[in-house]
Amino acid sequence: MPLSEHEQRMLEQIEQQLYAEDPKFAHAVRSTNPQIHYKRRIVKSAVGFVVGVGVLMAGLVINAGAATIAISVAGFLLMLASSLWALTSWKRMAGIGDEPAREPRRGRQGRQGGRESRQGRPKGTFMERMEERWRRRTEGEL
């Protein structure tokens, strides 16, 4: 929703006051892009993944009995953690997963009888139905 002219003027005044009080902080906040932060995290996790591969290979090369397994497992866990960190950073950078999950649509056989399902509208939760009734009542549809 766009801001009104009054709100835009107030926001501009606040920005000007911030620049006047602390220009270094205002410049740092204004020039920071969150995507740059996530890109850095992805690069760091890629480096961590490569180090994990190195540790895993070192564990395989070293022939020290139980230590070999422990080193290899540590390398694998480092690779796994780096991959998860990169994936979450990439999702946040791309904006994936921000919207709420949608309920799966049911076909004709999944619908139950009743007024709402006969009219072609899916049956929602109790609160959704009450909100819909209230909306229709206030708009004069009932």
N, C-alpha and C. Protein backbone atom coordinates (compact mmCIF):
# COMPACT_ATOMS: atom_id res chain seq x y z
N MET A 1 0.84 -1.16 0.00
CA MET A 1 0.00 0.00 0.00
C MET A 1 0.90 1.24 0.00
N PRO A 2 0.68 2.16 -0.93
CA PRO A 2 1.54 3.35 -1.00
C PRO A 2 1.28 4.30 0.17
N LEU A 3 2.29 5.07 0.46
CA LEU A 3 2.18 6.04 1.55
C LEU A 3 1.47 7.30 1.06
N SER A 4 0.76 7.96 1.97
CA SER A 4 0.13 9.22 1.62
C SER A 4 1.20 10.31 1.54
N GLU A 5 0.82 11.45 1.01
CA GLU A 5 1.79 12.55 0.87
C GLU A 5 2.31 13.00 2.23
N HIS A 6 1.43 13.05 3.22
CA HIS A 6 1.84 13.45 4.57
C HIS A 6 2.85 12.46 5.14
N GLU A 7 2.58 11.16 4.97
CA GLU A 7 3.50 10.14 5.47
C GLU A 7 4.84 10.18 4.73
N GLN A 8 4.82 10.45 3.43
CA GLN A 8 6.06 10.57 2.67
C GLN A 8 6.89 11.75 3.16
N ARG A 9 6.22 12.88 3.44
CA ARG A 9 6.94 14.05 3.96
C ARG A 9 7.55 13.75 5.32
N MET A 10 6.79 13.07 6.18
CA MET A 10 7.31 12.73 7.50
C MET A 10 8.51 11.80 7.38
N LEU A 11 8.44 10.83 6.48
CA LEU A 11 9.55 9.91 6.27
C LEU A 11 10.79 10.65 5.76
N GLU A 12 10.60 11.59 4.86
CA GLU A 12 11.73 12.38 4.35
C GLU A 12 12.36 13.22 5.47
N GLN A 13 11.51 13.77 6.35
CA GLN A 13 12.04 14.55 7.48
C GLN A 13 12.84 13.66 8.42
N ILE A 14 12.36 12.48 8.68
CA ILE A 14 13.08 11.55 9.55
C ILE A 14 14.42 11.18 8.93
N GLU A 15 14.44 10.93 7.61
CA GLU A 15 15.70 10.61 6.93
C GLU A 15 16.69 11.77 7.01
N GLN A 16 16.19 12.98 6.82
CA GLN A 16 17.06 14.16 6.90
C GLN A 16 17.62 14.33 8.30
N GLN A 17 16.80 14.10 9.32
CA GLN A 17 17.28 14.19 10.69
C GLN A 17 18.34 13.13 10.96
N LEU A 18 18.14 11.94 10.44
CA LEU A 18 19.12 10.87 10.62
C LEU A 18 20.44 11.24 9.96
N TYR A 19 20.39 11.77 8.76
CA TYR A 19 21.62 12.20 8.09
C TYR A 19 22.31 13.33 8.85
N ALA A 20 21.52 14.23 9.43
CA ALA A 20 22.11 15.35 10.17
C ALA A 20 22.76 14.87 11.47
N GLU A 21 22.13 13.92 12.17
CA GLU A 21 22.65 13.46 13.45
C GLU A 21 23.83 12.51 13.31
N ASP A 22 23.73 11.55 12.41
CA ASP A 22 24.78 10.54 12.26
C ASP A 22 24.92 10.16 10.78
N PRO A 23 25.66 10.96 10.01
CA PRO A 23 25.75 10.69 8.57
C PRO A 23 26.46 9.38 8.24
N LYS A 24 27.43 8.98 9.07
CA LYS A 24 28.15 7.73 8.79
C LYS A 24 27.21 6.53 8.91
N PHE A 25 26.42 6.49 9.99
CA PHE A 25 25.47 5.41 10.18
C PHE A 25 24.39 5.44 9.10
N ALA A 26 23.89 6.60 8.77
CA ALA A 26 22.85 6.71 7.74
C ALA A 26 23.35 6.22 6.39
N HIS A 27 24.58 6.52 6.06
CA HIS A 27 25.15 6.06 4.79
C HIS A 27 25.33 4.54 4.79
N ALA A 28 25.76 4.01 5.92
CA ALA A 28 25.95 2.56 6.02
C ALA A 28 24.62 1.82 5.89
N VAL A 29 23.58 2.33 6.51
CA VAL A 29 22.27 1.69 6.45
C VAL A 29 21.67 1.81 5.05
N ARG A 30 21.84 2.96 4.45
CA ARG A 30 21.25 3.20 3.14
C ARG A 30 21.93 2.36 2.05
N SER A 31 23.24 2.17 2.14
CA SER A 31 23.96 1.47 1.08
C SER A 31 23.99 -0.05 1.26
N THR A 32 23.50 -0.55 2.38
CA THR A 32 23.55 -1.99 2.62
C THR A 32 22.40 -2.67 1.88
N ASN A 33 22.76 -3.68 1.11
CA ASN A 33 21.77 -4.47 0.38
C ASN A 33 21.75 -5.87 1.01
N PRO A 34 20.59 -6.36 1.45
CA PRO A 34 20.56 -7.66 2.09
C PRO A 34 21.01 -8.80 1.17
N GLN A 35 20.84 -8.65 -0.14
CA GLN A 35 21.26 -9.71 -1.05
C GLN A 35 22.76 -9.87 -1.05
N ILE A 36 23.50 -8.79 -0.85
CA ILE A 36 24.96 -8.89 -0.78
C ILE A 36 25.36 -9.74 0.42
N HIS A 37 24.66 -9.55 1.53
CA HIS A 37 24.92 -10.34 2.74
C HIS A 37 24.70 -11.83 2.46
N TYR A 38 23.61 -12.16 1.79
CA TYR A 38 23.33 -13.56 1.50
C TYR A 38 24.31 -14.14 0.49
N LYS A 39 24.75 -13.34 -0.46
CA LYS A 39 25.76 -13.82 -1.42
C LYS A 39 27.07 -14.14 -0.70
N ARG A 40 27.44 -13.31 0.25
CA ARG A 40 28.65 -13.58 1.04
C ARG A 40 28.51 -14.88 1.81
N ARG A 41 27.34 -15.11 2.38
CA ARG A 41 27.11 -16.35 3.11
C ARG A 41 27.21 -17.56 2.19
N ILE A 42 26.72 -17.43 0.96
CA ILE A 42 26.81 -18.54 0.01
C ILE A 42 28.26 -18.82 -0.33
N VAL A 43 29.06 -17.77 -0.54
CA VAL A 43 30.48 -17.96 -0.84
C VAL A 43 31.18 -18.62 0.34
N LYS A 44 30.89 -18.16 1.56
CA LYS A 44 31.50 -18.77 2.74
C LYS A 44 31.11 -20.24 2.88
N SER A 45 29.86 -20.54 2.58
CA SER A 45 29.44 -21.94 2.69
C SER A 45 30.07 -22.80 1.59
N ALA A 46 30.32 -22.22 0.42
CA ALA A 46 31.00 -22.97 -0.64
C ALA A 46 32.43 -23.29 -0.21
N VAL A 47 33.09 -22.32 0.42
CA VAL A 47 34.44 -22.57 0.93
C VAL A 47 34.39 -23.65 2.01
N GLY A 48 33.40 -23.59 2.89
CA GLY A 48 33.24 -24.61 3.92
C GLY A 48 33.00 -25.99 3.32
N PHE A 49 32.24 -26.04 2.23
CA PHE A 49 31.99 -27.32 1.57
C PHE A 49 33.28 -27.90 1.00
N VAL A 50 34.09 -27.04 0.37
CA VAL A 50 35.36 -27.51 -0.20
C VAL A 50 36.29 -27.99 0.92
N VAL A 51 36.32 -27.26 2.03
CA VAL A 51 37.14 -27.70 3.17
C VAL A 51 36.62 -29.04 3.69
N GLY A 52 35.29 -29.21 3.73
CA GLY A 52 34.72 -30.48 4.16
C GLY A 52 35.12 -31.63 3.25
N VAL A 53 35.14 -31.37 1.94
CA VAL A 53 35.60 -32.41 1.01
C VAL A 53 37.06 -32.76 1.30
N GLY A 54 37.86 -31.72 1.56
CA GLY A 54 39.27 -31.96 1.88
C GLY A 54 39.44 -32.78 3.14
N VAL A 55 38.66 -32.48 4.17
CA VAL A 55 38.74 -33.24 5.42
C VAL A 55 38.27 -34.67 5.20
N LEU A 56 37.21 -34.84 4.41
CA LEU A 56 36.73 -36.19 4.11
C LEU A 56 37.80 -37.00 3.38
N MET A 57 38.44 -36.39 2.39
CA MET A 57 39.49 -37.09 1.65
C MET A 57 40.70 -37.37 2.54
N ALA A 58 41.03 -36.42 3.41
CA ALA A 58 42.15 -36.63 4.32
C ALA A 58 41.85 -37.80 5.26
N GLY A 59 40.60 -37.90 5.69
CA GLY A 59 40.22 -39.03 6.54
C GLY A 59 40.35 -40.35 5.82
N LEU A 60 40.10 -40.35 4.53
CA LEU A 60 40.23 -41.59 3.76
C LEU A 60 41.69 -41.95 3.50
N VAL A 61 42.53 -40.93 3.34
CA VAL A 61 43.95 -41.17 3.05
C VAL A 61 44.70 -41.61 4.29
N ILE A 62 44.38 -40.99 5.41
CA ILE A 62 45.06 -41.34 6.67
C ILE A 62 44.59 -42.72 7.10
N ASN A 63 45.52 -43.58 7.39
CA ASN A 63 45.18 -44.93 7.82
C ASN A 63 45.51 -45.05 9.30
N ALA A 64 44.55 -44.54 10.12
CA ALA A 64 44.81 -44.54 11.56
C ALA A 64 43.71 -45.24 12.34
N GLY A 65 43.00 -46.15 11.74
CA GLY A 65 41.98 -46.92 12.47
C GLY A 65 40.72 -46.12 12.71
N ALA A 66 40.34 -45.97 13.97
CA ALA A 66 39.11 -45.28 14.35
C ALA A 66 39.17 -43.80 14.02
N ALA A 67 40.35 -43.20 14.05
CA ALA A 67 40.50 -41.78 13.72
C ALA A 67 40.12 -41.52 12.27
N THR A 68 40.36 -42.48 11.40
CA THR A 68 40.00 -42.34 9.99
C THR A 68 38.50 -42.14 9.84
N ILE A 69 37.73 -42.92 10.53
CA ILE A 69 36.27 -42.82 10.46
C ILE A 69 35.80 -41.49 11.05
N ALA A 70 36.36 -41.10 12.19
CA ALA A 70 35.98 -39.85 12.84
C ALA A 70 36.29 -38.65 11.96
N ILE A 71 37.45 -38.62 11.33
CA ILE A 71 37.82 -37.51 10.46
C ILE A 71 36.91 -37.47 9.24
N SER A 72 36.63 -38.61 8.66
CA SER A 72 35.75 -38.66 7.48
C SER A 72 34.33 -38.21 7.83
N VAL A 73 33.83 -38.65 8.97
CA VAL A 73 32.49 -38.23 9.39
C VAL A 73 32.46 -36.73 9.66
N ALA A 74 33.51 -36.19 10.27
CA ALA A 74 33.59 -34.75 10.51
C ALA A 74 33.57 -33.98 9.19
N GLY A 75 34.29 -34.47 8.19
CA GLY A 75 34.29 -33.84 6.87
C GLY A 75 32.91 -33.87 6.24
N PHE A 76 32.24 -35.01 6.35
CA PHE A 76 30.89 -35.12 5.80
C PHE A 76 29.93 -34.17 6.50
N LEU A 77 30.01 -34.09 7.82
CA LEU A 77 29.13 -33.18 8.57
C LEU A 77 29.40 -31.72 8.21
N LEU A 78 30.66 -31.39 7.99
CA LEU A 78 31.00 -30.03 7.55
C LEU A 78 30.40 -29.75 6.17
N MET A 79 30.46 -30.70 5.29
CA MET A 79 29.86 -30.54 3.96
C MET A 79 28.34 -30.38 4.07
N LEU A 80 27.72 -31.17 4.92
CA LEU A 80 26.27 -31.10 5.10
C LEU A 80 25.84 -29.75 5.68
N ALA A 81 26.55 -29.31 6.71
CA ALA A 81 26.22 -28.02 7.32
C ALA A 81 26.42 -26.87 6.35
N SER A 82 27.48 -26.92 5.58
CA SER A 82 27.73 -25.87 4.58
C SER A 82 26.65 -25.86 3.52
N SER A 83 26.21 -27.02 3.10
CA SER A 83 25.15 -27.10 2.09
C SER A 83 23.84 -26.53 2.62
N LEU A 84 23.50 -26.86 3.85
CA LEU A 84 22.26 -26.33 4.43
C LEU A 84 22.33 -24.82 4.61
N TRP A 85 23.48 -24.33 5.02
CA TRP A 85 23.65 -22.88 5.18
C TRP A 85 23.52 -22.17 3.84
N ALA A 86 24.11 -22.74 2.80
CA ALA A 86 24.00 -22.15 1.46
C ALA A 86 22.57 -22.19 0.97
N LEU A 87 21.88 -23.29 1.22
CA LEU A 87 20.50 -23.42 0.75
C LEU A 87 19.59 -22.40 1.43
N THR A 88 19.71 -22.24 2.74
CA THR A 88 18.87 -21.26 3.43
C THR A 88 19.20 -19.84 2.99
N SER A 89 20.46 -19.56 2.76
CA SER A 89 20.83 -18.22 2.30
C SER A 89 20.28 -17.97 0.90
N TRP A 90 20.36 -18.97 0.05
CA TRP A 90 19.86 -18.81 -1.31
C TRP A 90 18.35 -18.62 -1.30
N LYS A 91 17.63 -19.37 -0.44
CA LYS A 91 16.19 -19.21 -0.35
C LYS A 91 15.81 -17.81 0.12
N ARG A 92 16.53 -17.31 1.11
CA ARG A 92 16.23 -15.96 1.60
C ARG A 92 16.57 -14.91 0.57
N MET A 93 17.66 -15.12 -0.17
CA MET A 93 18.05 -14.16 -1.19
C MET A 93 17.03 -14.15 -2.32
N ALA A 94 16.52 -15.31 -2.69
CA ALA A 94 15.57 -15.42 -3.79
C ALA A 94 14.13 -15.16 -3.33
N GLY A 95 13.91 -15.15 -2.02
CA GLY A 95 12.56 -14.90 -1.51
C GLY A 95 11.67 -16.12 -1.59
N ILE A 96 12.25 -17.31 -1.65
CA ILE A 96 11.47 -18.53 -1.74
C ILE A 96 11.04 -18.95 -0.33
N GLY A 97 9.80 -19.35 -0.20
CA GLY A 97 9.31 -19.84 1.08
C GLY A 97 8.76 -18.76 1.98
N ASP A 98 8.60 -17.54 1.47
CA ASP A 98 8.05 -16.47 2.30
C ASP A 98 6.53 -16.51 2.39
N GLU A 99 5.88 -16.99 1.33
CA GLU A 99 4.43 -17.03 1.33
C GLU A 99 3.94 -18.26 2.09
N PRO A 100 2.79 -18.16 2.72
CA PRO A 100 2.28 -19.29 3.49
C PRO A 100 1.90 -20.44 2.56
N ALA A 101 1.95 -21.64 3.10
CA ALA A 101 1.62 -22.82 2.31
C ALA A 101 0.13 -22.84 2.00
N ARG A 102 -0.19 -23.30 0.79
CA ARG A 102 -1.58 -23.38 0.38
C ARG A 102 -2.09 -24.79 0.61
N GLU A 103 -3.37 -24.89 0.91
CA GLU A 103 -3.96 -26.20 1.12
C GLU A 103 -4.11 -26.89 -0.24
N PRO A 104 -3.91 -28.20 -0.28
CA PRO A 104 -4.07 -28.89 -1.56
C PRO A 104 -5.53 -28.88 -2.00
N ARG A 105 -5.73 -28.77 -3.30
CA ARG A 105 -7.08 -28.76 -3.84
C ARG A 105 -7.60 -30.18 -3.90
N ARG A 106 -8.86 -30.33 -3.58
CA ARG A 106 -9.47 -31.65 -3.62
C ARG A 106 -10.34 -31.75 -4.86
N GLY A 107 -10.38 -32.94 -5.40
CA GLY A 107 -11.22 -33.18 -6.56
C GLY A 107 -12.67 -33.40 -6.14
N ARG A 108 -13.49 -33.79 -7.08
CA ARG A 108 -14.90 -33.99 -6.84
C ARG A 108 -15.16 -35.05 -5.77
N GLN A 109 -14.37 -36.12 -5.76
CA GLN A 109 -14.59 -37.19 -4.79
C GLN A 109 -14.21 -36.76 -3.38
N GLY A 110 -13.33 -35.76 -3.19
CA GLY A 110 -12.89 -35.34 -1.87
C GLY A 110 -13.85 -34.38 -1.19
N ARG A 111 -14.80 -33.85 -1.94
CA ARG A 111 -15.72 -32.88 -1.37
C ARG A 111 -16.83 -33.58 -0.61
N GLN A 112 -17.27 -32.89 0.42
CA GLN A 112 -18.38 -33.43 1.19
C GLN A 112 -19.62 -32.65 0.82
N GLY A 113 -20.76 -33.20 1.15
CA GLY A 113 -22.00 -32.50 0.86
C GLY A 113 -22.12 -31.25 1.68
N GLY A 114 -23.04 -30.40 1.32
CA GLY A 114 -23.24 -29.17 2.05
C GLY A 114 -23.40 -28.02 1.08
N ARG A 115 -23.89 -26.91 1.58
CA ARG A 115 -24.19 -25.77 0.73
C ARG A 115 -22.94 -25.22 0.06
N GLU A 116 -21.83 -25.08 0.81
CA GLU A 116 -20.63 -24.47 0.24
C GLU A 116 -20.03 -25.34 -0.86
N SER A 117 -19.99 -26.66 -0.66
CA SER A 117 -19.36 -27.50 -1.66
C SER A 117 -20.23 -27.62 -2.90
N ARG A 118 -21.55 -27.52 -2.77
CA ARG A 118 -22.41 -27.57 -3.95
C ARG A 118 -22.25 -26.31 -4.79
N GLN A 119 -21.91 -25.20 -4.19
CA GLN A 119 -21.74 -23.97 -4.93
C GLN A 119 -20.36 -23.86 -5.54
N GLY A 120 -19.50 -24.85 -5.34
CA GLY A 120 -18.18 -24.84 -5.97
C GLY A 120 -17.09 -24.22 -5.12
N ARG A 121 -17.43 -23.76 -3.92
CA ARG A 121 -16.41 -23.16 -3.05
C ARG A 121 -15.88 -24.22 -2.10
N PRO A 122 -14.54 -24.27 -1.92
CA PRO A 122 -14.00 -25.25 -0.99
C PRO A 122 -14.37 -24.90 0.45
N LYS A 123 -14.58 -25.92 1.23
CA LYS A 123 -14.94 -25.73 2.63
C LYS A 123 -13.68 -25.42 3.41
N GLY A 124 -13.66 -24.31 4.14
CA GLY A 124 -12.48 -23.92 4.90
C GLY A 124 -12.63 -24.25 6.36
N THR A 125 -11.78 -23.65 7.15
CA THR A 125 -11.85 -23.87 8.59
C THR A 125 -13.06 -23.13 9.15
N PHE A 126 -13.37 -23.39 10.39
CA PHE A 126 -14.51 -22.75 11.04
C PHE A 126 -14.38 -21.23 11.00
N MET A 127 -13.19 -20.72 11.34
CA MET A 127 -13.00 -19.27 11.37
C MET A 127 -13.12 -18.67 9.98
N GLU A 128 -12.60 -19.37 8.96
CA GLU A 128 -12.72 -18.85 7.60
C GLU A 128 -14.18 -18.75 7.17
N ARG A 129 -14.97 -19.78 7.52
CA ARG A 129 -16.39 -19.74 7.18
C ARG A 129 -17.10 -18.61 7.90
N MET A 130 -16.77 -18.39 9.19
CA MET A 130 -17.41 -17.31 9.95
C MET A 130 -17.02 -15.94 9.37
N GLU A 131 -15.75 -15.79 8.99
CA GLU A 131 -15.32 -14.53 8.39
C GLU A 131 -16.02 -14.29 7.05
N GLU A 132 -16.19 -15.34 6.28
CA GLU A 132 -16.89 -15.21 5.00
C GLU A 132 -18.35 -14.84 5.22
N ARG A 133 -19.00 -15.47 6.19
CA ARG A 133 -20.38 -15.10 6.52
C ARG A 133 -20.49 -13.65 6.95
N TRP A 134 -19.56 -13.21 7.79
CA TRP A 134 -19.57 -11.83 8.27
C TRP A 134 -19.37 -10.86 7.12
N ARG A 135 -18.45 -11.20 6.21
CA ARG A 135 -18.21 -10.34 5.05
C ARG A 135 -19.46 -10.24 4.18
N ARG A 136 -20.11 -11.38 3.93
CA ARG A 136 -21.31 -11.36 3.11
C ARG A 136 -22.44 -10.59 3.80
N ARG A 137 -22.53 -10.73 5.12
CA ARG A 137 -23.58 -10.04 5.87
C ARG A 137 -23.38 -8.54 5.81
N THR A 138 -22.12 -8.08 5.99
CA THR A 138 -21.87 -6.64 5.98
C THR A 138 -22.01 -6.04 4.58
N GLU A 139 -21.79 -6.86 3.55
CA GLU A 139 -21.93 -6.35 2.17
C GLU A 139 -23.36 -6.49 1.67
N GLY A 140 -24.23 -7.08 2.47
CA GLY A 140 -25.63 -7.19 2.11
C GLY A 140 -25.95 -8.33 1.18
N GLU A 141 -25.12 -9.37 1.16
CA GLU A 141 -25.36 -10.50 0.28
C GLU A 141 -26.32 -11.51 0.87
N LEU A 142 -26.55 -11.47 2.17
CA LEU A 142 -27.43 -12.48 2.79
C LEU A 142 -28.86 -12.04 2.83
